[in-house]
Amino acid sequence: MKIAFFTETFLPKVDGIVTRLTKTVKHLVDAGDEVVVFCPEGAPSHYMGAKVVGVPAMPLPLYPELKLALPRPAVSEAIDAFQPDLIHVVNPAVLGLGGIWLAKTKSIPLIASYHTHLPKYLEYYGMGMLEPLLWELLKAAHNQAVLNLCTSTAMVQELSDKGIQHTALWQRGVDTELFRPELRSPALRQRLLGGYDDRGALLLYVGRLSAE
């Protein structure tokens, strides 16, 4: 199968969306699928056997780590050359809307996935009054897809309640090559406990913190 991804965020940015997408790309390529990723410029030209097409982008003023890439004729030409069996738009905003338009105009099956709860972000950036409008825009975009994947049961329910159709759960997974019992280290565990008694439970958070 030939699959074209349209994503508003990709390498070198590091976040949950990029992690899930890079793992997905690797598994698809390993399974024999052909993959091309359309994303904001700055990413490597290839990743794990997939072709990556960078699209000129500009930083979002309130959230500069997110870049907005505007679709252009070269993207349509690349789709014509690749001839995908499926287009997958990831958190469609600007570039993703181009992916939706191309899927519709070229009669290519379309799926979408919802990762970032954008309406709630507005509250943290002082624009909560725009939330109803954003829901209408999200509904209009996502209801073009034959399937809308959500990363939690809570989001499946909320999107369904807001009128977004064809929702389904995209289960999380654990990389069992990277995380497995054989790598257990009592010495590292003691170091992480920092001198506290080992009561059988140790919570470790590794991630980033932003306003939302």
Protein backbone atom coordinates (compact mmCIF):
# COMPACT_ATOMS: atom_id res chain seq x y z
CA MET A 1 0.00 0.00 0.00
CA LYS A 2 1.11 3.57 -0.67
CA ILE A 3 0.38 5.97 2.19
CA ALA A 4 0.85 9.76 2.23
CA PHE A 5 0.96 11.51 5.61
CA PHE A 6 0.28 15.22 6.03
CA THR A 7 1.46 16.45 9.42
CA GLU A 8 1.82 19.90 10.96
CA THR A 9 4.73 18.70 13.09
CA PHE A 10 7.63 16.35 12.39
CA LEU A 11 11.35 15.98 13.01
CA PRO A 12 13.50 17.64 14.28
CA LYS A 13 10.71 18.64 16.70
CA VAL A 14 10.23 16.16 19.53
CA ASP A 15 6.78 15.61 21.00
CA GLY A 16 4.14 12.91 21.37
CA ILE A 17 2.78 13.37 17.85
CA VAL A 18 6.22 13.04 16.28
CA THR A 19 7.02 9.98 18.40
CA ARG A 20 3.82 8.21 17.40
CA LEU A 21 4.20 9.18 13.75
CA THR A 22 7.85 8.10 13.44
CA LYS A 23 7.04 4.74 15.05
CA THR A 24 4.09 4.32 12.69
CA VAL A 25 6.22 5.15 9.65
CA LYS A 26 8.86 2.60 10.69
CA HIS A 27 6.30 -0.17 11.18
CA LEU A 28 4.59 0.57 7.87
CA VAL A 29 7.87 0.52 5.94
CA ASP A 30 8.97 -2.66 7.73
CA ALA A 31 5.66 -4.24 6.64
CA GLY A 32 6.41 -3.41 3.01
CA ASP A 33 4.28 -0.27 2.56
CA GLU A 34 5.53 2.80 0.69
CA VAL A 35 5.31 6.00 2.72
CA VAL A 36 5.78 9.69 2.00
CA VAL A 37 5.49 12.37 4.70
CA PHE A 38 4.57 16.00 3.93
CA CYS A 39 5.61 18.27 6.79
CA PRO A 40 7.06 21.73 7.57
CA GLU A 41 10.56 22.23 6.17
CA GLY A 42 13.57 21.35 8.32
CA ALA A 43 13.11 17.59 8.53
CA PRO A 44 15.54 15.08 6.94
CA SER A 45 14.71 14.16 3.33
CA HIS A 46 14.22 10.50 4.29
CA TYR A 47 13.31 8.73 7.52
CA MET A 48 13.35 4.95 8.11
CA GLY A 49 12.80 4.24 4.43
CA ALA A 50 10.08 6.86 3.94
CA LYS A 51 10.48 9.92 1.74
CA VAL A 52 9.99 13.23 3.57
CA VAL A 53 8.83 16.31 1.65
CA GLY A 54 9.48 19.58 3.49
CA VAL A 55 7.07 22.43 2.78
CA PRO A 56 8.12 26.08 3.45
CA ALA A 57 6.65 27.18 6.79
CA MET A 58 6.45 30.06 9.26
CA PRO A 59 6.33 29.90 13.08
CA LEU A 60 2.95 30.39 14.74
CA PRO A 61 3.21 33.72 16.66
CA LEU A 62 1.75 32.46 19.97
CA TYR A 63 3.38 29.04 19.70
CA PRO A 64 6.66 29.45 17.76
CA GLU A 65 7.71 25.80 18.10
CA LEU A 66 4.77 24.96 15.83
CA LYS A 67 5.32 25.93 12.18
CA LEU A 68 2.52 26.55 9.71
CA ALA A 69 3.25 25.19 6.24
CA LEU A 70 1.07 26.44 3.39
CA PRO A 71 0.21 23.89 0.68
CA ARG A 72 1.55 24.75 -2.77
CA PRO A 73 1.41 23.28 -6.30
CA ALA A 74 4.56 21.21 -5.72
CA VAL A 75 2.67 19.20 -3.08
CA SER A 76 -0.07 18.32 -5.56
CA GLU A 77 2.56 17.35 -8.12
CA ALA A 78 4.28 15.10 -5.58
CA ILE A 79 0.95 13.41 -4.81
CA ASP A 80 0.35 12.84 -8.53
CA ALA A 81 3.80 11.28 -8.86
CA PHE A 82 3.39 9.07 -5.76
CA GLN A 83 -0.20 7.95 -6.50
CA PRO A 84 -1.11 7.06 -2.88
CA ASP A 85 -3.77 4.52 -1.97
CA LEU A 86 -4.52 6.46 1.22
CA ILE A 87 -3.96 9.94 2.65
CA HIS A 88 -3.65 10.33 6.43
CA VAL A 89 -3.83 13.87 7.83
CA VAL A 90 -2.37 14.25 11.32
CA ASN A 91 -3.97 17.01 13.42
CA PRO A 92 -5.05 18.92 10.29
CA ALA A 93 -4.60 22.69 10.61
CA VAL A 94 -3.09 24.31 7.51
CA LEU A 95 -0.96 21.77 5.65
CA GLY A 96 -3.46 19.11 6.70
CA LEU A 97 -6.29 21.04 5.06
CA GLY A 98 -4.28 20.83 1.85
CA GLY A 99 -4.12 17.07 2.33
CA ILE A 100 -7.89 16.93 2.81
CA TRP A 101 -8.47 18.98 -0.35
CA LEU A 102 -6.12 16.79 -2.38
CA ALA A 103 -7.79 13.62 -1.11
CA LYS A 104 -11.21 14.93 -2.05
CA THR A 105 -10.31 16.36 -5.45
CA LYS A 106 -8.30 13.28 -6.45
CA SER A 107 -10.75 10.74 -4.95
CA ILE A 108 -8.17 9.26 -2.58
CA PRO A 109 -9.46 7.59 0.65
CA LEU A 110 -8.84 9.88 3.62
CA ILE A 111 -8.32 9.21 7.31
CA ALA A 112 -7.48 11.76 10.01
CA SER A 113 -6.09 11.55 13.52
CA TYR A 114 -6.65 13.87 16.48
CA HIS A 115 -3.70 14.25 18.85
CA THR A 116 -3.63 17.79 20.27
CA HIS A 117 -6.74 19.07 22.02
CA LEU A 118 -6.57 22.49 20.39
CA PRO A 119 -9.83 23.96 21.80
CA LYS A 120 -8.46 23.56 25.35
CA TYR A 121 -5.16 25.15 24.33
CA LEU A 122 -7.02 28.40 23.60
CA GLU A 123 -7.81 28.82 27.29
CA TYR A 124 -4.11 28.82 28.18
CA TYR A 125 -3.30 31.41 25.52
CA GLY A 126 -6.08 33.84 26.47
CA MET A 127 -8.38 33.09 23.52
CA GLY A 128 -11.03 30.90 25.10
CA MET A 129 -13.81 32.85 23.41
CA LEU A 130 -12.76 31.30 20.08
CA GLU A 131 -13.36 27.74 21.26
CA PRO A 132 -16.87 27.32 19.70
CA LEU A 133 -15.56 28.57 16.35
CA LEU A 134 -12.59 26.21 16.48
CA TRP A 135 -14.89 23.25 17.17
CA GLU A 136 -16.89 24.11 14.06
CA LEU A 137 -13.70 24.28 11.98
CA LEU A 138 -12.47 20.98 13.40
CA LYS A 139 -15.82 19.34 12.71
CA ALA A 140 -15.82 20.58 9.11
CA ALA A 141 -12.30 19.24 8.52
CA HIS A 142 -12.55 15.90 10.33
CA ASN A 143 -15.94 15.00 8.90
CA GLN A 144 -14.33 14.79 5.46
CA ALA A 145 -12.52 11.64 6.62
CA VAL A 146 -13.88 8.09 6.50
CA LEU A 147 -12.15 7.42 9.84
CA ASN A 148 -11.04 9.72 12.67
CA LEU A 149 -8.50 8.16 15.01
CA CYS A 150 -8.22 9.42 18.60
CA THR A 151 -5.49 8.58 21.08
CA SER A 152 -7.74 8.06 24.12
CA THR A 153 -11.26 6.84 24.89
CA ALA A 154 -11.98 10.25 26.46
CA MET A 155 -11.23 12.01 23.16
CA VAL A 156 -13.28 9.47 21.18
CA GLN A 157 -16.24 10.40 23.39
CA GLU A 158 -15.66 14.18 23.33
CA LEU A 159 -15.21 14.37 19.57
CA SER A 160 -18.30 12.23 19.05
CA ASP A 161 -20.27 14.51 21.40
CA LYS A 162 -19.12 17.55 19.38
CA GLY A 163 -20.43 16.05 16.13
CA ILE A 164 -17.27 14.57 14.66
CA GLN A 165 -18.19 11.32 12.96
CA HIS A 166 -16.51 7.95 12.39
CA THR A 167 -14.30 8.17 15.50
CA ALA A 168 -12.24 5.22 16.70
CA LEU A 169 -9.51 4.58 19.27
CA TRP A 170 -5.88 4.44 18.10
CA GLN A 171 -4.40 2.43 20.96
CA ARG A 172 -1.15 3.42 22.57
CA GLY A 173 1.66 0.89 22.62
CA VAL A 174 4.94 0.17 24.36
CA ASP A 175 8.18 -0.41 22.45
CA THR A 176 9.14 -3.80 23.89
CA GLU A 177 12.61 -3.63 22.34
CA LEU A 178 13.39 -0.41 24.19
CA PHE A 179 11.45 -1.21 27.38
CA ARG A 180 11.79 -4.77 28.66
CA PRO A 181 12.39 -6.48 32.04
CA GLU A 182 15.91 -7.66 31.11
CA LEU A 183 17.07 -4.03 31.23
CA ARG A 184 16.04 -3.65 34.87
CA SER A 185 18.80 -2.05 36.97
CA PRO A 186 18.58 -2.16 40.78
CA ALA A 187 21.46 0.36 40.99
CA LEU A 188 19.64 2.88 38.76
CA ARG A 189 16.45 2.35 40.73
CA GLN A 190 18.24 3.19 43.97
CA ARG A 191 19.74 6.29 42.36
CA LEU A 192 16.30 7.45 41.18
CA LEU A 193 14.85 6.87 44.65
CA GLY A 194 17.34 9.45 45.93
CA GLY A 195 17.82 7.88 49.32
CA TYR A 196 14.12 7.24 50.02
CA ASP A 197 12.88 3.81 51.06
CA ASP A 198 11.81 1.56 48.19
CA ARG A 199 8.09 1.07 48.79
CA GLY A 200 7.50 -0.79 45.53
CA ALA A 201 6.34 2.11 43.38
CA LEU A 202 8.52 4.60 41.52
CA LEU A 203 7.00 7.22 39.22
CA LEU A 204 9.28 8.68 36.59
CA TYR A 205 8.24 11.45 34.17
CA VAL A 206 10.25 12.20 31.05
CA GLY A 207 8.80 14.85 28.78
CA ARG A 208 8.45 18.50 28.03
CA LEU A 209 6.46 21.22 29.77
CA SER A 210 4.72 24.05 27.94
CA ALA A 211 2.03 26.57 28.89
CA GLU A 212 -0.90 24.24 28.29
